[in-house]
Amino acid sequence: MKRVLILGTLFLLMLNTLGYYPVYLAMQWKAQTEMKSRLDAHLFEEDELFTIKIPIGLPYWTETRQAPERIDGQIEYNGDFYKLYKQEVIADTLVVLAVKDHSEKALFTALTEWVKITVTGLPGTSEKAAGQVSHLIKEYFANQHQTYFYLYDWLTDQANLPDFISSSPSAYLKVPNPPPDLIG
């Protein structure tokens, strides 16, 4: 029982320190492995495919058409995540087939919502917390504001200070041109 309590406390401390990002990474890894196994087993409908055509300039002309090859990767387009599935080169165009990844979008949305809640707080709680902090400040800190006016800004007659250029010797102001030769 003691060990479970210690491990639970350690888990909460690490979760508080690192945030939910390691949890997000673990869930993302699980979703990606499930999607990869789904793609390998071809367990999706043909209407889920998204075709990307990229014109490429090859230094040679290829008329032969090879079978599409399996690729791994991921792209985001218009807020949707796509898992790359197959690619092939047809004449001067690279054709990439991708499948929409719904679980990746749900995970990303959950992460952005969690970050938004963490940074800004839940709706309505920030005003309540600000009110509590203002009462705390009024109760524990003395309100002793003192204002100092400096008269230096209001003086019209400025003291005549010697100018830096006129008070420094002219030897320091000369720049030797070209630089002197070093004798060594």
N, C-alpha and C. Protein backbone atom coordinates (compact mmCIF):
# COMPACT_ATOMS: atom_id res chain seq x y z
N MET A 1 0.82 -1.19 0.00
CA MET A 1 0.00 0.00 0.00
C MET A 1 0.86 1.25 0.00
N LYS A 2 1.95 1.19 0.77
CA LYS A 2 2.85 2.33 0.86
C LYS A 2 3.52 2.59 -0.49
N ARG A 3 3.89 1.51 -1.16
CA ARG A 3 4.56 1.62 -2.46
C ARG A 3 3.60 2.22 -3.51
N VAL A 4 2.35 1.81 -3.49
CA VAL A 4 1.36 2.34 -4.42
C VAL A 4 1.15 3.83 -4.18
N LEU A 5 1.11 4.23 -2.93
CA LEU A 5 0.95 5.64 -2.59
C LEU A 5 2.15 6.45 -3.07
N ILE A 6 3.35 5.90 -2.88
CA ILE A 6 4.57 6.60 -3.33
C ILE A 6 4.59 6.71 -4.84
N LEU A 7 4.27 5.62 -5.54
CA LEU A 7 4.26 5.66 -7.01
C LEU A 7 3.18 6.61 -7.54
N GLY A 8 2.02 6.63 -6.89
CA GLY A 8 0.97 7.56 -7.30
C GLY A 8 1.37 9.01 -7.10
N THR A 9 2.00 9.28 -5.97
CA THR A 9 2.48 10.64 -5.71
C THR A 9 3.57 11.04 -6.69
N LEU A 10 4.48 10.12 -6.99
CA LEU A 10 5.54 10.39 -7.96
C LEU A 10 4.95 10.63 -9.35
N PHE A 11 3.93 9.85 -9.72
CA PHE A 11 3.27 10.05 -11.01
C PHE A 11 2.61 11.43 -11.07
N LEU A 12 1.92 11.83 -10.02
CA LEU A 12 1.29 13.15 -10.00
C LEU A 12 2.32 14.27 -10.05
N LEU A 13 3.46 14.09 -9.38
CA LEU A 13 4.52 15.09 -9.42
C LEU A 13 5.09 15.21 -10.84
N MET A 14 5.34 14.08 -11.48
CA MET A 14 5.87 14.12 -12.85
C MET A 14 4.83 14.70 -13.82
N LEU A 15 3.56 14.38 -13.61
CA LEU A 15 2.51 14.92 -14.45
C LEU A 15 2.40 16.43 -14.26
N ASN A 16 2.56 16.90 -13.04
CA ASN A 16 2.52 18.33 -12.77
C ASN A 16 3.74 19.03 -13.35
N THR A 17 4.90 18.37 -13.31
CA THR A 17 6.13 18.96 -13.81
C THR A 17 6.16 18.98 -15.33
N LEU A 18 5.88 17.85 -15.95
CA LEU A 18 5.99 17.74 -17.40
C LEU A 18 4.72 18.14 -18.13
N GLY A 19 3.60 18.16 -17.45
CA GLY A 19 2.34 18.45 -18.11
C GLY A 19 1.78 17.19 -18.74
N TYR A 20 0.80 17.38 -19.58
CA TYR A 20 0.16 16.24 -20.22
C TYR A 20 0.82 15.87 -21.54
N TYR A 21 1.93 16.48 -21.88
CA TYR A 21 2.57 16.17 -23.16
C TYR A 21 3.06 14.73 -23.25
N PRO A 22 3.68 14.14 -22.21
CA PRO A 22 4.04 12.72 -22.31
C PRO A 22 2.82 11.81 -22.49
N VAL A 23 1.71 12.16 -21.86
CA VAL A 23 0.48 11.39 -22.05
C VAL A 23 0.01 11.52 -23.50
N TYR A 24 0.10 12.75 -24.05
CA TYR A 24 -0.27 12.98 -25.45
C TYR A 24 0.64 12.17 -26.38
N LEU A 25 1.95 12.15 -26.09
CA LEU A 25 2.87 11.39 -26.94
C LEU A 25 2.57 9.90 -26.90
N ALA A 26 2.24 9.37 -25.74
CA ALA A 26 1.90 7.95 -25.63
C ALA A 26 0.61 7.64 -26.41
N MET A 27 -0.38 8.50 -26.28
CA MET A 27 -1.63 8.28 -27.01
C MET A 27 -1.42 8.43 -28.52
N GLN A 28 -0.56 9.37 -28.92
CA GLN A 28 -0.26 9.56 -30.34
C GLN A 28 0.48 8.34 -30.89
N TRP A 29 1.43 7.81 -30.14
CA TRP A 29 2.16 6.62 -30.59
C TRP A 29 1.21 5.44 -30.77
N LYS A 30 0.28 5.27 -29.83
CA LYS A 30 -0.70 4.18 -29.92
C LYS A 30 -1.59 4.37 -31.15
N ALA A 31 -2.06 5.59 -31.39
CA ALA A 31 -2.93 5.86 -32.54
C ALA A 31 -2.18 5.65 -33.85
N GLN A 32 -0.90 6.03 -33.89
CA GLN A 32 -0.12 5.86 -35.11
C GLN A 32 0.14 4.39 -35.41
N THR A 33 0.42 3.59 -34.39
CA THR A 33 0.64 2.16 -34.63
C THR A 33 -0.66 1.49 -35.08
N GLU A 34 -1.80 1.89 -34.51
CA GLU A 34 -3.08 1.33 -34.96
C GLU A 34 -3.37 1.73 -36.41
N MET A 35 -3.07 2.98 -36.77
CA MET A 35 -3.31 3.44 -38.14
C MET A 35 -2.38 2.72 -39.11
N LYS A 36 -1.13 2.50 -38.70
CA LYS A 36 -0.19 1.81 -39.58
C LYS A 36 -0.63 0.37 -39.82
N SER A 37 -1.10 -0.31 -38.77
CA SER A 37 -1.58 -1.68 -38.96
C SER A 37 -2.85 -1.70 -39.81
N ARG A 38 -3.68 -0.67 -39.68
CA ARG A 38 -4.88 -0.56 -40.51
C ARG A 38 -4.52 -0.35 -41.98
N LEU A 39 -3.48 0.47 -42.24
CA LEU A 39 -3.05 0.68 -43.61
C LEU A 39 -2.39 -0.56 -44.19
N ASP A 40 -1.59 -1.26 -43.38
CA ASP A 40 -0.93 -2.47 -43.86
C ASP A 40 -1.94 -3.55 -44.21
N ALA A 41 -3.04 -3.63 -43.45
CA ALA A 41 -4.07 -4.63 -43.71
C ALA A 41 -5.10 -4.14 -44.73
N HIS A 42 -4.95 -2.91 -45.21
CA HIS A 42 -5.85 -2.30 -46.20
C HIS A 42 -7.29 -2.30 -45.70
N LEU A 43 -7.48 -1.85 -44.44
CA LEU A 43 -8.80 -1.82 -43.81
C LEU A 43 -9.41 -0.43 -43.88
N PHE A 44 -9.59 0.08 -45.07
CA PHE A 44 -10.22 1.38 -45.26
C PHE A 44 -10.95 1.36 -46.60
N GLU A 45 -11.87 2.27 -46.74
CA GLU A 45 -12.66 2.35 -47.97
C GLU A 45 -11.89 3.17 -49.01
N GLU A 46 -12.22 2.95 -50.26
CA GLU A 46 -11.55 3.68 -51.34
C GLU A 46 -11.93 5.16 -51.34
N ASP A 47 -13.11 5.50 -50.81
CA ASP A 47 -13.51 6.90 -50.79
C ASP A 47 -12.78 7.69 -49.70
N GLU A 48 -12.05 7.01 -48.81
CA GLU A 48 -11.25 7.68 -47.79
C GLU A 48 -9.91 8.16 -48.34
N LEU A 49 -9.55 7.70 -49.54
CA LEU A 49 -8.25 8.08 -50.12
C LEU A 49 -8.27 9.53 -50.57
N PHE A 50 -7.16 10.18 -50.38
CA PHE A 50 -6.95 11.57 -50.77
C PHE A 50 -5.75 11.57 -51.70
N THR A 51 -5.90 12.10 -52.90
CA THR A 51 -4.84 12.06 -53.90
C THR A 51 -4.13 13.41 -53.97
N ILE A 52 -2.81 13.36 -53.93
CA ILE A 52 -1.98 14.56 -54.05
C ILE A 52 -1.12 14.37 -55.29
N LYS A 53 -1.20 15.33 -56.22
CA LYS A 53 -0.40 15.26 -57.44
C LYS A 53 0.62 16.39 -57.40
N ILE A 54 1.90 16.01 -57.49
CA ILE A 54 2.99 16.98 -57.40
C ILE A 54 3.78 16.91 -58.70
N PRO A 55 3.82 18.01 -59.48
CA PRO A 55 4.63 17.98 -60.70
C PRO A 55 6.12 18.02 -60.34
N ILE A 56 6.88 17.18 -61.00
CA ILE A 56 8.33 17.14 -60.76
C ILE A 56 9.05 17.24 -62.09
N GLY A 57 10.21 17.83 -62.05
CA GLY A 57 11.05 17.94 -63.24
C GLY A 57 12.16 16.91 -63.18
N LEU A 58 12.03 15.87 -63.98
CA LEU A 58 13.05 14.83 -63.99
C LEU A 58 14.07 15.12 -65.08
N PRO A 59 15.33 14.78 -64.87
CA PRO A 59 16.33 14.99 -65.91
C PRO A 59 16.21 13.96 -67.04
N TYR A 60 15.34 13.00 -66.88
CA TYR A 60 15.13 11.97 -67.89
C TYR A 60 13.63 11.71 -68.00
N TRP A 61 13.23 11.13 -69.09
CA TRP A 61 11.82 10.86 -69.32
C TRP A 61 11.54 9.39 -69.03
N THR A 62 10.50 9.14 -68.24
CA THR A 62 10.14 7.75 -67.95
C THR A 62 8.75 7.47 -68.49
N GLU A 63 8.65 6.50 -69.36
CA GLU A 63 7.36 6.08 -69.88
C GLU A 63 6.85 4.85 -69.16
N THR A 64 7.76 4.15 -68.49
CA THR A 64 7.33 2.93 -67.81
C THR A 64 6.61 3.30 -66.52
N ARG A 65 5.55 2.58 -66.27
CA ARG A 65 4.76 2.83 -65.06
C ARG A 65 4.98 1.65 -64.12
N GLN A 66 5.48 1.98 -62.92
CA GLN A 66 5.73 0.94 -61.94
C GLN A 66 4.58 0.89 -60.94
N ALA A 67 4.53 -0.19 -60.22
CA ALA A 67 3.48 -0.34 -59.21
C ALA A 67 3.70 0.67 -58.09
N PRO A 68 2.63 1.16 -57.50
CA PRO A 68 2.80 2.11 -56.39
C PRO A 68 3.54 1.46 -55.22
N GLU A 69 4.39 2.23 -54.58
CA GLU A 69 5.14 1.70 -53.44
C GLU A 69 4.60 2.29 -52.14
N ARG A 70 4.64 1.49 -51.10
CA ARG A 70 4.13 1.87 -49.78
C ARG A 70 5.09 2.85 -49.12
N ILE A 71 4.56 3.94 -48.54
CA ILE A 71 5.38 4.94 -47.84
C ILE A 71 4.75 5.21 -46.48
N ASP A 72 5.55 5.76 -45.59
CA ASP A 72 5.07 6.18 -44.28
C ASP A 72 5.30 7.68 -44.15
N GLY A 73 4.37 8.35 -43.55
CA GLY A 73 4.49 9.79 -43.33
C GLY A 73 3.14 10.36 -42.95
N GLN A 74 3.15 11.64 -42.68
CA GLN A 74 1.92 12.30 -42.24
C GLN A 74 1.98 13.75 -42.68
N ILE A 75 0.84 14.28 -43.12
CA ILE A 75 0.74 15.69 -43.49
C ILE A 75 -0.52 16.27 -42.86
N GLU A 76 -0.54 17.59 -42.77
CA GLU A 76 -1.73 18.30 -42.31
C GLU A 76 -2.15 19.24 -43.42
N TYR A 77 -3.41 19.19 -43.79
CA TYR A 77 -3.93 20.04 -44.85
C TYR A 77 -5.32 20.52 -44.44
N ASN A 78 -5.50 21.82 -44.37
CA ASN A 78 -6.78 22.44 -43.98
C ASN A 78 -7.31 21.93 -42.65
N GLY A 79 -6.41 21.74 -41.69
CA GLY A 79 -6.81 21.32 -40.36
C GLY A 79 -7.07 19.83 -40.22
N ASP A 80 -6.95 19.07 -41.31
CA ASP A 80 -7.13 17.62 -41.26
C ASP A 80 -5.78 16.94 -41.39
N PHE A 81 -5.63 15.82 -40.71
CA PHE A 81 -4.39 15.06 -40.76
C PHE A 81 -4.57 13.87 -41.69
N TYR A 82 -3.56 13.64 -42.52
CA TYR A 82 -3.58 12.54 -43.47
C TYR A 82 -2.34 11.69 -43.27
N LYS A 83 -2.53 10.39 -43.32
CA LYS A 83 -1.42 9.44 -43.24
C LYS A 83 -1.08 9.05 -44.67
N LEU A 84 0.19 9.21 -45.07
CA LEU A 84 0.61 8.87 -46.42
C LEU A 84 0.57 7.35 -46.58
N TYR A 85 0.08 6.91 -47.75
CA TYR A 85 -0.14 5.48 -47.95
C TYR A 85 0.74 4.93 -49.07
N LYS A 86 0.58 5.42 -50.29
CA LYS A 86 1.36 4.93 -51.43
C LYS A 86 1.77 6.11 -52.30
N GLN A 87 2.83 5.87 -53.08
CA GLN A 87 3.27 6.88 -54.04
C GLN A 87 3.72 6.19 -55.32
N GLU A 88 3.61 6.93 -56.42
CA GLU A 88 4.11 6.45 -57.71
C GLU A 88 4.40 7.65 -58.59
N VAL A 89 5.32 7.46 -59.53
CA VAL A 89 5.67 8.50 -60.49
C VAL A 89 5.03 8.13 -61.81
N ILE A 90 4.18 9.02 -62.32
CA ILE A 90 3.53 8.82 -63.61
C ILE A 90 3.96 9.98 -64.49
N ALA A 91 4.74 9.69 -65.52
CA ALA A 91 5.31 10.68 -66.43
C ALA A 91 6.10 11.72 -65.63
N ASP A 92 5.61 12.95 -65.55
CA ASP A 92 6.33 13.99 -64.81
C ASP A 92 5.58 14.41 -63.55
N THR A 93 4.79 13.51 -62.98
CA THR A 93 3.98 13.82 -61.81
C THR A 93 4.17 12.75 -60.74
N LEU A 94 4.36 13.20 -59.52
CA LEU A 94 4.41 12.30 -58.37
C LEU A 94 3.00 12.25 -57.78
N VAL A 95 2.42 11.07 -57.77
CA VAL A 95 1.07 10.88 -57.25
C VAL A 95 1.19 10.20 -55.90
N VAL A 96 0.66 10.86 -54.86
CA VAL A 96 0.72 10.34 -53.49
C VAL A 96 -0.71 10.09 -53.03
N LEU A 97 -0.95 8.91 -52.50
CA LEU A 97 -2.26 8.57 -51.92
C LEU A 97 -2.15 8.67 -50.41
N ALA A 98 -3.13 9.31 -49.79
CA ALA A 98 -3.15 9.49 -48.34
C ALA A 98 -4.53 9.14 -47.81
N VAL A 99 -4.58 8.74 -46.55
CA VAL A 99 -5.83 8.38 -45.88
C VAL A 99 -6.03 9.33 -44.71
N LYS A 100 -7.27 9.83 -44.57
CA LYS A 100 -7.57 10.77 -43.48
C LYS A 100 -7.44 10.05 -42.14
N ASP A 101 -6.71 10.69 -41.21
CA ASP A 101 -6.47 10.12 -39.88
C ASP A 101 -7.33 10.88 -38.87
N HIS A 102 -8.48 10.30 -38.53
CA HIS A 102 -9.42 10.96 -37.62
C HIS A 102 -8.91 10.97 -36.18
N SER A 103 -8.20 9.92 -35.78
CA SER A 103 -7.73 9.85 -34.39
C SER A 103 -6.64 10.89 -34.12
N GLU A 104 -5.80 11.17 -35.11
CA GLU A 104 -4.75 12.18 -34.93
C GLU A 104 -5.36 13.57 -34.76
N LYS A 105 -6.41 13.85 -35.53
CA LYS A 105 -7.08 15.15 -35.41
C LYS A 105 -7.74 15.28 -34.04
N ALA A 106 -8.36 14.21 -33.55
CA ALA A 106 -9.00 14.25 -32.23
C ALA A 106 -7.96 14.46 -31.13
N LEU A 107 -6.81 13.79 -31.25
CA LEU A 107 -5.75 13.97 -30.25
C LEU A 107 -5.20 15.39 -30.27
N PHE A 108 -4.98 15.93 -31.47
CA PHE A 108 -4.44 17.28 -31.59
C PHE A 108 -5.42 18.31 -31.04
N THR A 109 -6.71 18.11 -31.32
CA THR A 109 -7.73 19.02 -30.79
C THR A 109 -7.78 18.95 -29.27
N ALA A 110 -7.68 17.74 -28.72
CA ALA A 110 -7.68 17.59 -27.26
C ALA A 110 -6.46 18.27 -26.64
N LEU A 111 -5.29 18.15 -27.29
CA LEU A 111 -4.08 18.81 -26.77
C LEU A 111 -4.22 20.32 -26.81
N THR A 112 -4.71 20.87 -27.91
CA THR A 112 -4.86 22.33 -27.99
C THR A 112 -5.88 22.84 -26.99
N GLU A 113 -6.96 22.11 -26.78
CA GLU A 113 -7.94 22.52 -25.77
C GLU A 113 -7.33 22.46 -24.37
N TRP A 114 -6.54 21.43 -24.09
CA TRP A 114 -5.92 21.32 -22.77
C TRP A 114 -4.93 22.46 -22.54
N VAL A 115 -4.14 22.79 -23.56
CA VAL A 115 -3.20 23.90 -23.42
C VAL A 115 -3.96 25.21 -23.22
N LYS A 116 -5.05 25.39 -23.95
CA LYS A 116 -5.84 26.62 -23.81
C LYS A 116 -6.41 26.73 -22.40
N ILE A 117 -6.92 25.62 -21.86
CA ILE A 117 -7.46 25.63 -20.50
C ILE A 117 -6.35 25.87 -19.49
N THR A 118 -5.18 25.27 -19.73
CA THR A 118 -4.06 25.44 -18.80
C THR A 118 -3.57 26.87 -18.77
N VAL A 119 -3.50 27.51 -19.94
CA VAL A 119 -2.97 28.87 -20.01
C VAL A 119 -4.00 29.89 -19.55
N THR A 120 -5.22 29.80 -20.05
CA THR A 120 -6.21 30.83 -19.74
C THR A 120 -7.12 30.46 -18.58
N GLY A 121 -7.19 29.19 -18.25
CA GLY A 121 -8.08 28.75 -17.18
C GLY A 121 -9.46 28.45 -17.72
N LEU A 122 -10.28 27.86 -16.89
CA LEU A 122 -11.65 27.56 -17.29
C LEU A 122 -12.45 28.85 -17.40
N PRO A 123 -13.46 28.89 -18.25
CA PRO A 123 -14.27 30.11 -18.36
C PRO A 123 -14.93 30.46 -17.03
N GLY A 124 -14.80 31.72 -16.62
CA GLY A 124 -15.41 32.18 -15.38
C GLY A 124 -14.52 32.06 -14.16
N THR A 125 -13.45 31.28 -14.24
CA THR A 125 -12.60 31.11 -13.06
C THR A 125 -11.57 32.22 -12.93
N SER A 126 -11.21 32.86 -14.04
CA SER A 126 -10.19 33.90 -13.96
C SER A 126 -10.70 35.12 -13.20
N GLU A 127 -11.97 35.48 -13.40
CA GLU A 127 -12.52 36.63 -12.67
C GLU A 127 -12.61 36.32 -11.18
N LYS A 128 -13.00 35.10 -10.86
CA LYS A 128 -13.11 34.70 -9.46
C LYS A 128 -11.73 34.70 -8.80
N ALA A 129 -10.73 34.17 -9.51
CA ALA A 129 -9.38 34.13 -8.97
C ALA A 129 -8.81 35.54 -8.83
N ALA A 130 -9.10 36.42 -9.79
CA ALA A 130 -8.61 37.79 -9.70
C ALA A 130 -9.21 38.50 -8.50
N GLY A 131 -10.49 38.25 -8.23
CA GLY A 131 -11.12 38.84 -7.05
C GLY A 131 -10.50 38.35 -5.76
N GLN A 132 -10.20 37.05 -5.69
CA GLN A 132 -9.57 36.50 -4.50
C GLN A 132 -8.17 37.07 -4.30
N VAL A 133 -7.42 37.22 -5.38
CA VAL A 133 -6.06 37.76 -5.27
C VAL A 133 -6.11 39.22 -4.84
N SER A 134 -7.07 39.99 -5.36
CA SER A 134 -7.15 41.40 -4.96
C SER A 134 -7.50 41.53 -3.48
N HIS A 135 -8.37 40.67 -2.96
CA HIS A 135 -8.67 40.69 -1.52
C HIS A 135 -7.45 40.30 -0.71
N LEU A 136 -6.69 39.34 -1.20
CA LEU A 136 -5.50 38.89 -0.51
C LEU A 136 -4.45 40.01 -0.47
N ILE A 137 -4.29 40.70 -1.57
CA ILE A 137 -3.31 41.79 -1.62
C ILE A 137 -3.73 42.92 -0.69
N LYS A 138 -5.01 43.26 -0.69
CA LYS A 138 -5.48 44.34 0.18
C LYS A 138 -5.33 43.97 1.65
N GLU A 139 -5.47 42.71 1.96
CA GLU A 139 -5.43 42.29 3.35
C GLU A 139 -4.00 42.23 3.89
N TYR A 140 -3.06 41.78 3.09
CA TYR A 140 -1.72 41.51 3.60
C TYR A 140 -0.69 42.57 3.24
N PHE A 141 -0.95 43.39 2.26
CA PHE A 141 0.02 44.40 1.88
C PHE A 141 -0.52 45.78 2.22
N ALA A 142 0.34 46.59 2.83
CA ALA A 142 -0.07 47.95 3.16
C ALA A 142 -0.11 48.77 1.89
N ASN A 143 -1.06 49.66 1.82
CA ASN A 143 -1.23 50.49 0.64
C ASN A 143 -0.56 51.83 0.91
N GLN A 144 0.74 51.89 0.77
CA GLN A 144 1.49 53.11 1.02
C GLN A 144 2.12 53.57 -0.28
N HIS A 145 1.37 54.36 -1.03
CA HIS A 145 1.91 54.89 -2.27
C HIS A 145 2.53 56.25 -1.99
N GLN A 146 3.73 56.42 -2.42
CA GLN A 146 4.40 57.71 -2.30
C GLN A 146 4.81 58.13 -3.69
N THR A 147 4.58 59.38 -3.99
CA THR A 147 4.92 59.91 -5.30
C THR A 147 6.05 60.90 -5.14
N TYR A 148 7.07 60.71 -5.92
CA TYR A 148 8.22 61.60 -5.89
C TYR A 148 8.25 62.39 -7.19
N PHE A 149 8.43 63.69 -7.06
CA PHE A 149 8.57 64.54 -8.22
C PHE A 149 10.02 64.97 -8.29
N TYR A 150 10.60 64.75 -9.42
CA TYR A 150 11.98 65.18 -9.63
C TYR A 150 11.96 66.50 -10.38
N LEU A 151 12.65 67.48 -9.84
CA LEU A 151 12.62 68.81 -10.42
C LEU A 151 13.61 68.97 -11.56
N TYR A 152 14.41 67.98 -11.81
CA TYR A 152 15.41 68.11 -12.87
C TYR A 152 14.75 68.27 -14.24
N ASP A 153 13.61 67.68 -14.44
CA ASP A 153 12.93 67.81 -15.73
C ASP A 153 12.33 69.19 -15.92
N TRP A 154 12.05 69.89 -14.84
CA TRP A 154 11.38 71.17 -14.96
C TRP A 154 12.33 72.36 -15.02
N LEU A 155 13.62 72.14 -14.82
CA LEU A 155 14.57 73.25 -14.86
C LEU A 155 14.76 73.72 -16.29
N THR A 156 14.70 75.03 -16.48
CA THR A 156 14.90 75.57 -17.82
C THR A 156 16.35 75.92 -18.05
N ASP A 157 17.04 76.37 -17.02
CA ASP A 157 18.45 76.71 -17.17
C ASP A 157 19.28 75.47 -16.86
N GLN A 158 19.98 75.01 -17.86
CA GLN A 158 20.82 73.84 -17.65
C GLN A 158 22.22 74.30 -17.32
N ALA A 159 22.88 73.52 -16.52
CA ALA A 159 24.25 73.86 -16.15
C ALA A 159 25.14 73.72 -17.36
N ASN A 160 26.10 74.63 -17.48
CA ASN A 160 27.04 74.57 -18.59
C ASN A 160 28.12 73.55 -18.28
N LEU A 161 27.98 72.40 -18.86
CA LEU A 161 28.97 71.35 -18.68
C LEU A 161 29.96 71.40 -19.83
N PRO A 162 31.22 71.12 -19.56
CA PRO A 162 32.19 71.14 -20.67
C PRO A 162 31.85 70.06 -21.68
N ASP A 163 32.00 70.43 -22.92
CA ASP A 163 31.74 69.49 -24.00
C ASP A 163 32.83 68.43 -24.04
N PHE A 164 32.47 67.18 -24.33
CA PHE A 164 33.43 66.08 -24.31
C PHE A 164 34.51 66.28 -25.37
N ILE A 165 34.10 66.72 -26.54
CA ILE A 165 35.08 66.86 -27.63
C ILE A 165 36.04 68.00 -27.34
N SER A 166 35.55 69.10 -26.79
CA SER A 166 36.44 70.23 -26.53
C SER A 166 37.35 69.98 -25.34
N SER A 167 36.97 69.11 -24.41
CA SER A 167 37.80 68.89 -23.24
C SER A 167 38.80 67.76 -23.42
N SER A 168 38.66 66.95 -24.46
CA SER A 168 39.60 65.84 -24.64
C SER A 168 40.72 66.26 -25.58
N PRO A 169 41.91 65.76 -25.35
CA PRO A 169 43.03 66.11 -26.22
C PRO A 169 42.79 65.61 -27.64
N SER A 170 43.32 66.34 -28.58
CA SER A 170 43.10 66.01 -29.98
C SER A 170 43.83 64.73 -30.39
N ALA A 171 44.83 64.31 -29.63
CA ALA A 171 45.55 63.08 -29.99
C ALA A 171 44.66 61.85 -29.88
N TYR A 172 43.70 61.91 -28.96
CA TYR A 172 42.81 60.76 -28.80
C TYR A 172 41.75 60.70 -29.89
N LEU A 173 41.49 61.83 -30.51
CA LEU A 173 40.43 61.86 -31.50
C LEU A 173 40.91 61.54 -32.90
N LYS A 174 42.21 61.59 -33.13
CA LYS A 174 42.74 61.32 -34.47
C LYS A 174 42.73 59.82 -34.74
N VAL A 175 42.35 59.48 -35.95
CA VAL A 175 42.40 58.09 -36.39
C VAL A 175 43.53 58.00 -37.40
N PRO A 176 44.59 57.24 -37.06
CA PRO A 176 45.71 57.14 -38.01
C PRO A 176 45.27 56.39 -39.26
N ASN A 177 45.56 56.98 -40.39
CA ASN A 177 45.16 56.37 -41.64
C ASN A 177 46.34 56.39 -42.59
N PRO A 178 46.83 55.37 -43.04
CA PRO A 178 46.62 53.97 -42.77
C PRO A 178 47.15 53.62 -41.39
N PRO A 179 46.81 52.45 -40.87
CA PRO A 179 47.26 52.08 -39.54
C PRO A 179 48.78 52.01 -39.49
N PRO A 180 49.35 52.33 -38.33
CA PRO A 180 50.81 52.33 -38.24
C PRO A 180 51.35 50.90 -38.34
N ASP A 181 52.57 50.78 -38.85
CA ASP A 181 53.23 49.47 -38.95
C ASP A 181 53.71 49.05 -37.58
N LEU A 182 53.48 47.81 -37.28
CA LEU A 182 53.94 47.28 -36.01
C LEU A 182 55.37 46.77 -36.17
N ILE A 183 56.21 47.18 -35.28
CA ILE A 183 57.60 46.73 -35.30
C ILE A 183 57.70 45.63 -34.27
N GLY A 184 58.09 44.48 -34.70
CA GLY A 184 58.08 43.43 -33.73
C GLY A 184 59.20 42.56 -33.88
